[in-house]
Protein backbone atom coordinates (compact mmCIF):
# COMPACT_ATOMS: atom_id res chain seq x y z
CA CYS A 1 10.21 -4.09 24.38
CA ASP A 2 11.23 -0.75 22.88
CA TYR A 3 8.14 0.38 20.95
CA PRO A 4 6.33 2.64 21.38
CA PRO A 5 9.24 4.66 22.80
CA ASP A 6 7.50 5.05 26.17
CA ALA A 7 7.79 1.29 26.63
CA ALA A 8 11.53 1.69 27.13
CA THR A 9 10.87 3.81 30.22
CA LYS A 10 9.02 1.00 32.00
CA PRO A 11 10.68 -1.45 34.41
CA ALA A 12 12.16 -4.50 32.71
CA VAL A 13 11.23 -7.84 34.25
CA ASN A 14 13.19 -10.21 32.03
CA ARG A 15 16.77 -10.69 30.91
CA SER A 16 18.22 -12.61 27.99
CA ARG A 17 21.13 -14.99 28.45
CA VAL A 18 22.09 -14.47 24.80
CA ASP A 19 24.41 -11.73 23.53
CA ALA A 20 22.16 -9.89 21.08
CA GLU A 21 25.18 -8.14 19.52
CA ALA A 22 26.91 -11.40 18.54
CA SER A 23 26.97 -12.82 15.02
CA SER A 24 23.98 -14.78 13.75
CA ALA A 25 25.92 -18.05 14.03
CA ALA A 26 27.09 -17.25 17.57
CA ILE A 27 23.56 -16.30 18.64
CA ASP A 28 22.24 -19.57 17.25
CA SER A 29 24.87 -21.50 19.22
CA GLN A 30 24.10 -19.57 22.41
CA VAL A 31 20.38 -20.22 21.99
CA LEU A 32 20.94 -23.96 21.58
CA GLU A 33 23.22 -24.01 24.62
CA ALA A 34 20.77 -22.00 26.72
CA ALA A 35 17.90 -24.26 25.72
CA GLU A 36 19.85 -27.22 27.11
CA GLY A 37 20.43 -25.37 30.38
CA GLU A 38 18.53 -22.65 32.20
CA GLY A 39 16.72 -21.33 29.13
CA VAL A 40 17.14 -18.25 26.95
CA TYR A 41 15.38 -15.87 29.34
CA ASP A 42 15.31 -15.18 33.05
CA ILE A 43 12.46 -13.36 34.80
CA ASP A 44 13.29 -10.88 37.54
CA LEU A 45 10.91 -12.21 40.18
CA ASP A 46 11.61 -9.41 42.66
CA THR A 47 10.67 -6.71 40.16
CA LEU A 48 7.61 -8.59 38.96
CA ASP A 49 6.45 -9.09 42.55
CA ARG A 50 7.00 -5.41 43.35
CA LEU A 51 4.97 -4.32 40.32
CA ASP A 52 2.09 -6.60 41.36
CA PRO A 53 0.40 -6.41 37.92
CA ASP A 54 -3.31 -6.88 37.22
CA LEU A 55 -2.54 -8.14 33.71
CA VAL A 56 0.46 -9.94 32.23
CA VAL A 57 0.61 -10.29 28.44
CA SER A 58 2.78 -13.16 27.25
CA GLN A 59 3.38 -14.88 23.92
CA GLY A 60 3.52 -18.47 22.75
CA ILE A 61 4.82 -18.10 19.22
CA CYS A 62 8.57 -18.31 19.89
CA ASP A 63 10.55 -18.98 23.07
CA VAL A 64 13.71 -17.57 21.44
CA CYS A 65 12.38 -14.21 20.26
CA ALA A 66 10.75 -13.34 23.58
CA VAL A 67 9.90 -14.79 26.97
CA GLY A 68 7.64 -17.81 26.48
CA SER A 69 4.24 -18.23 28.06
CA VAL A 70 5.27 -21.27 30.13
CA LEU A 71 8.03 -19.33 31.89
CA VAL A 72 5.65 -16.44 32.52
CA ARG A 73 3.00 -18.70 34.00
CA GLU A 74 5.59 -20.38 36.24
CA ALA A 75 6.71 -16.97 37.54
CA VAL A 76 3.15 -15.83 38.22
CA ASP A 77 2.36 -19.07 40.04
CA GLU A 78 5.58 -18.97 42.07
CA LEU A 79 4.80 -15.44 43.26
CA ASP A 80 1.12 -16.31 43.74
CA LEU A 81 0.14 -13.14 41.90
CA ASP A 82 -3.54 -12.31 41.58
CA CYS A 83 -3.51 -11.33 37.92
CA GLU A 84 -4.77 -12.31 34.50
CA VAL A 85 -2.27 -13.89 32.10
CA LEU A 86 -3.22 -13.22 28.48
CA THR A 87 -1.19 -15.27 26.00
CA THR A 88 -0.98 -14.32 22.34
CA ASP A 89 0.00 -16.88 19.70
CA PRO A 90 -0.73 -15.35 16.29
CA HIS A 91 0.15 -16.91 12.95
CA SER A 92 -1.70 -14.58 10.57
CA LEU A 93 -2.69 -10.94 10.27
CA SER A 94 -6.22 -11.76 11.38
CA ASP A 95 -4.79 -13.49 14.47
CA VAL A 96 -2.84 -10.33 15.28
CA PHE A 97 -5.94 -8.18 14.87
CA ASP A 98 -7.89 -10.57 17.13
CA ASP A 99 -5.16 -10.26 19.76
CA ILE A 100 -5.42 -6.47 19.64
CA ARG A 101 -9.13 -6.81 20.40
CA ARG A 102 -8.43 -9.31 23.20
CA ILE A 103 -5.95 -6.92 24.79
CA GLY A 104 -8.50 -4.15 24.36
CA ASP A 105 -11.04 -6.23 26.28
CA ALA A 106 -8.52 -7.01 29.02
CA THR A 107 -7.60 -3.33 29.46
CA ASP A 108 -11.12 -1.87 29.09
CA THR A 109 -10.09 -0.14 25.86
CA ARG A 110 -12.08 -2.22 23.37
CA GLU A 111 -13.39 0.82 21.50
CA ARG A 112 -9.85 2.07 20.87
CA ALA A 113 -8.81 -1.44 19.86
CA ASP A 114 -11.68 -1.69 17.37
CA GLU A 115 -10.74 1.69 15.87
CA LEU A 116 -7.11 0.62 15.51
CA VAL A 117 -8.04 -2.68 13.88
CA ALA A 118 -10.43 -0.96 11.48
CA ASP A 119 -7.64 1.40 10.41
CA LEU A 120 -5.17 -1.47 9.99
CA GLU A 121 -7.64 -3.54 7.97
CA ALA A 122 -8.37 -0.57 5.70
CA ARG A 123 -4.66 -0.16 5.01
CA VAL A 124 -4.32 -3.87 4.21
CA ASP A 125 -7.29 -3.68 1.84
CA ALA A 126 -5.76 -0.65 0.10
CA VAL A 127 -2.51 -2.53 -0.46
CA ALA A 128 -4.32 -5.58 -1.82
CA ALA A 129 -6.44 -3.49 -4.19
CA THR A 130 -3.40 -1.75 -5.68
CA ALA A 131 -1.40 -4.99 -5.91
CA GLU A 132 -4.16 -6.53 -8.02
CA GLU A 133 -3.16 -4.10 -10.78
CA ALA A 134 0.24 -5.81 -11.14
CA ASP A 135 0.98 -7.54 -14.43
CA GLU A 136 2.98 -10.29 -12.73
CA ARG A 137 3.58 -11.82 -9.32
CA PRO A 138 7.34 -12.15 -8.78
CA ARG A 139 8.75 -15.07 -6.82
CA VAL A 140 9.64 -13.68 -3.37
CA GLY A 141 11.94 -15.07 -0.69
CA VAL A 142 12.05 -13.74 2.88
CA LEU A 143 14.80 -14.86 5.25
CA ASP A 144 14.45 -14.20 8.97
CA TRP A 145 17.87 -15.62 9.89
CA THR A 146 21.15 -15.94 8.00
CA ASP A 147 23.25 -18.61 9.78
CA PRO A 148 21.60 -21.04 9.69
CA VAL A 149 19.44 -19.78 6.86
CA MET A 150 15.81 -19.66 7.94
CA THR A 151 12.81 -18.92 5.75
CA ALA A 152 10.06 -16.75 7.21
CA GLY A 153 6.66 -18.23 7.94
CA HIS A 154 3.63 -17.34 10.07
CA TRP A 155 2.08 -14.17 8.55
CA VAL A 156 4.85 -13.59 5.98
CA PRO A 157 3.42 -15.82 3.19
CA GLU A 158 0.11 -13.98 3.53
CA MET A 159 1.84 -10.60 3.43
CA VAL A 160 3.80 -11.49 0.30
CA GLU A 161 0.60 -12.54 -1.47
CA LEU A 162 -1.13 -9.32 -0.38
CA ALA A 163 1.84 -7.34 -1.72
CA GLY A 164 1.43 -8.93 -5.13
CA GLY A 165 4.13 -11.58 -4.95
CA SER A 166 4.19 -15.36 -4.82
CA TYR A 167 5.74 -17.21 -1.89
CA GLY A 168 6.78 -20.82 -2.30
CA LEU A 169 8.93 -21.19 0.82
CA ALA A 170 6.09 -21.75 3.33
CA GLU A 171 2.34 -21.96 3.55
CA PRO A 172 0.41 -19.29 5.46
CA GLY A 173 0.64 -20.02 9.17
CA ASP A 174 3.66 -22.32 8.89
CA ALA A 175 6.46 -21.71 11.37
CA SER A 176 9.74 -20.18 10.24
CA ARG A 177 12.28 -22.95 9.82
CA PRO A 178 15.87 -23.67 8.79
CA ARG A 179 16.42 -24.48 5.12
CA GLU A 180 19.32 -25.92 3.21
CA TRP A 181 21.01 -23.31 1.04
CA ASP A 182 20.52 -25.53 -2.00
CA ALA A 183 16.76 -25.21 -1.50
CA ILE A 184 17.04 -21.42 -1.68
CA ARG A 185 19.14 -21.68 -4.83
CA GLU A 186 16.60 -24.01 -6.40
CA TYR A 187 13.74 -21.68 -5.48
CA ASP A 188 15.76 -18.80 -6.99
CA PRO A 189 13.78 -15.79 -5.72
CA GLU A 190 13.21 -12.89 -8.07
CA VAL A 191 12.89 -10.62 -5.02
CA LEU A 192 14.85 -11.45 -1.87
CA VAL A 193 14.20 -9.77 1.47
CA VAL A 194 16.64 -10.39 4.33
CA ALA A 195 15.03 -9.47 7.65
CA PRO A 196 16.80 -11.31 10.50
CA CYS A 197 14.68 -11.41 13.63
CA GLY A 198 15.97 -8.82 16.10
CA PHE A 199 18.58 -7.32 13.72
CA ASP A 200 18.47 -3.71 12.58
CA LEU A 201 20.04 -2.76 9.25
CA ASP A 202 23.50 -2.17 10.71
CA GLN A 203 23.60 -5.57 12.37
CA THR A 204 22.27 -7.20 9.21
CA ALA A 205 25.07 -5.54 7.24
CA LYS A 206 27.65 -7.02 9.63
CA ASN A 207 26.29 -10.50 8.96
CA LEU A 208 25.80 -10.30 5.20
CA THR A 209 28.74 -12.60 4.48
CA ASP A 210 26.60 -15.38 5.95
CA LEU A 211 24.82 -15.18 2.60
CA THR A 212 27.19 -13.51 0.17
CA ASP A 213 29.97 -16.05 0.77
CA ARG A 214 27.69 -18.97 -0.06
CA GLU A 215 28.10 -20.83 -3.32
CA GLY A 216 25.73 -19.54 -5.97
CA TRP A 217 24.82 -16.30 -4.20
CA ASP A 218 25.72 -14.12 -7.17
CA ASP A 219 23.72 -16.40 -9.47
CA LEU A 220 20.40 -15.80 -7.71
CA THR A 221 18.01 -13.88 -9.95
CA ALA A 222 17.25 -11.34 -7.21
CA VAL A 223 20.96 -10.65 -6.72
CA ARG A 224 21.75 -10.40 -10.44
CA GLU A 225 18.88 -7.99 -11.03
CA GLY A 226 19.54 -5.82 -7.97
CA ARG A 227 16.38 -6.88 -6.19
CA ALA A 228 17.91 -8.25 -3.00
CA TYR A 229 17.12 -6.08 0.01
CA ALA A 230 17.67 -5.83 3.75
CA LEU A 231 14.64 -4.94 5.86
CA ASP A 232 14.96 -3.89 9.49
CA GLY A 233 14.01 -7.15 11.19
CA HIS A 234 14.09 -5.59 14.64
CA GLN A 235 11.35 -3.07 13.96
CA PHE A 236 9.43 -4.77 11.16
CA MET A 237 8.25 -8.11 9.75
CA ASN A 238 8.90 -10.23 12.85
CA ARG A 239 6.89 -8.53 15.61
CA PRO A 240 3.22 -9.59 15.74
CA GLY A 241 1.67 -6.18 16.33
CA PRO A 242 0.27 -3.14 14.49
CA ARG A 243 3.55 -2.49 12.69
CA LEU A 244 3.08 -5.64 10.64
CA VAL A 245 0.93 -3.41 8.45
CA ASP A 246 3.83 -0.96 8.20
CA SER A 247 5.93 -3.98 7.22
CA LEU A 248 3.42 -4.91 4.53
CA GLU A 249 3.52 -1.40 3.12
CA HIS A 250 7.33 -1.46 3.08
CA LEU A 251 7.27 -4.88 1.39
CA THR A 252 5.03 -3.65 -1.41
CA GLY A 253 7.61 -1.11 -2.52
CA LEU A 254 10.18 -3.89 -2.87
CA VAL A 255 7.90 -6.34 -4.67
CA HIS A 256 6.17 -3.84 -6.98
CA PRO A 257 8.14 -0.58 -7.15
CA GLU A 258 6.13 0.37 -10.24
CA LEU A 259 2.96 0.53 -8.11
CA PHE A 260 4.13 1.53 -4.64
CA ASP A 261 6.55 4.01 -3.10
CA ALA A 262 9.91 2.68 -1.97
CA PRO A 263 10.24 2.18 1.78
CA PRO A 264 12.33 4.77 3.66
CA ASP A 265 16.06 4.07 3.94
CA GLU A 266 15.80 3.56 7.69
CA ALA A 267 13.42 0.64 7.05
CA ALA A 268 14.93 -1.09 4.02
CA ARG A 269 17.87 -0.77 1.66
CA PRO A 270 19.27 -2.72 -1.29
CA LEU A 271 21.88 -5.22 -0.14
CA ARG A 272 24.29 -3.71 -2.65
CA MET A 273 23.98 -0.39 -0.83
CA LEU A 274 24.77 -2.05 2.50
CA ARG A 275 27.80 -3.68 0.89
CA GLY A 276 28.96 -0.39 -0.63
CA GLU A 277 28.32 -1.51 -4.20
CA PRO A 278 26.58 0.51 -6.93
CA THR A 279 22.82 0.00 -6.80
CA VAL A 280 20.74 -1.07 -9.78
CA GLU A 281 17.30 0.34 -10.39
CA PRO A 282 14.77 -2.52 -10.67
């Protein structure tokens, strides 16, 4: 956990057995190997015991992206800690907002949680109202891994619709899943967003050949028309928290640049820019 910045100053109680700096293909292989062995994550029982928490927040949405709830519960039981374990498992924006309220209840900060959710919901409503002015709803593809290619699910289909696009790669709430490249070619997105889970823009750039070397890449409508983008998948799109609304606002500028401001360069850039090619104004 590295956001907000103060989170990075807190003691870490888990370690990953996967090299986060490896290529997307190598990470996938390491994850599969770890899953067959001791698991992707290890909890530092000594540190957890020393901290003696009153509340442990875990997640059940993905055992690869973060420590899973089962491992957390096993650690708490092994140490016989007297604490509450609150597990989040969101698959939509409303689920995320509900989790914020649940955490507010658990930390006696419900009023602050309600204020935060009200602000987030107002921002979502503002995006949706502006997006309704669009003359068309472009076909959008969002990839949250590049080798193997994975199409984004959970809250992403909902976010694309709110941003004024159409999303035919998953239904709202569906899990992200691997897809054959031919299925992406057949879908032929008019706007393509590459946001690998856990990758910032620099790491995404290092792995772009996972996509650009594939047959038919240059024939995709989004690529031909200069509407293929990289979005920081470490900070945005993949983390089920308040910054999903930031992610939505960044997405709108890619889907409907005629209605919304472009996202800042530190959040998203055209793939052609990452590859050092001339950019094309959509």
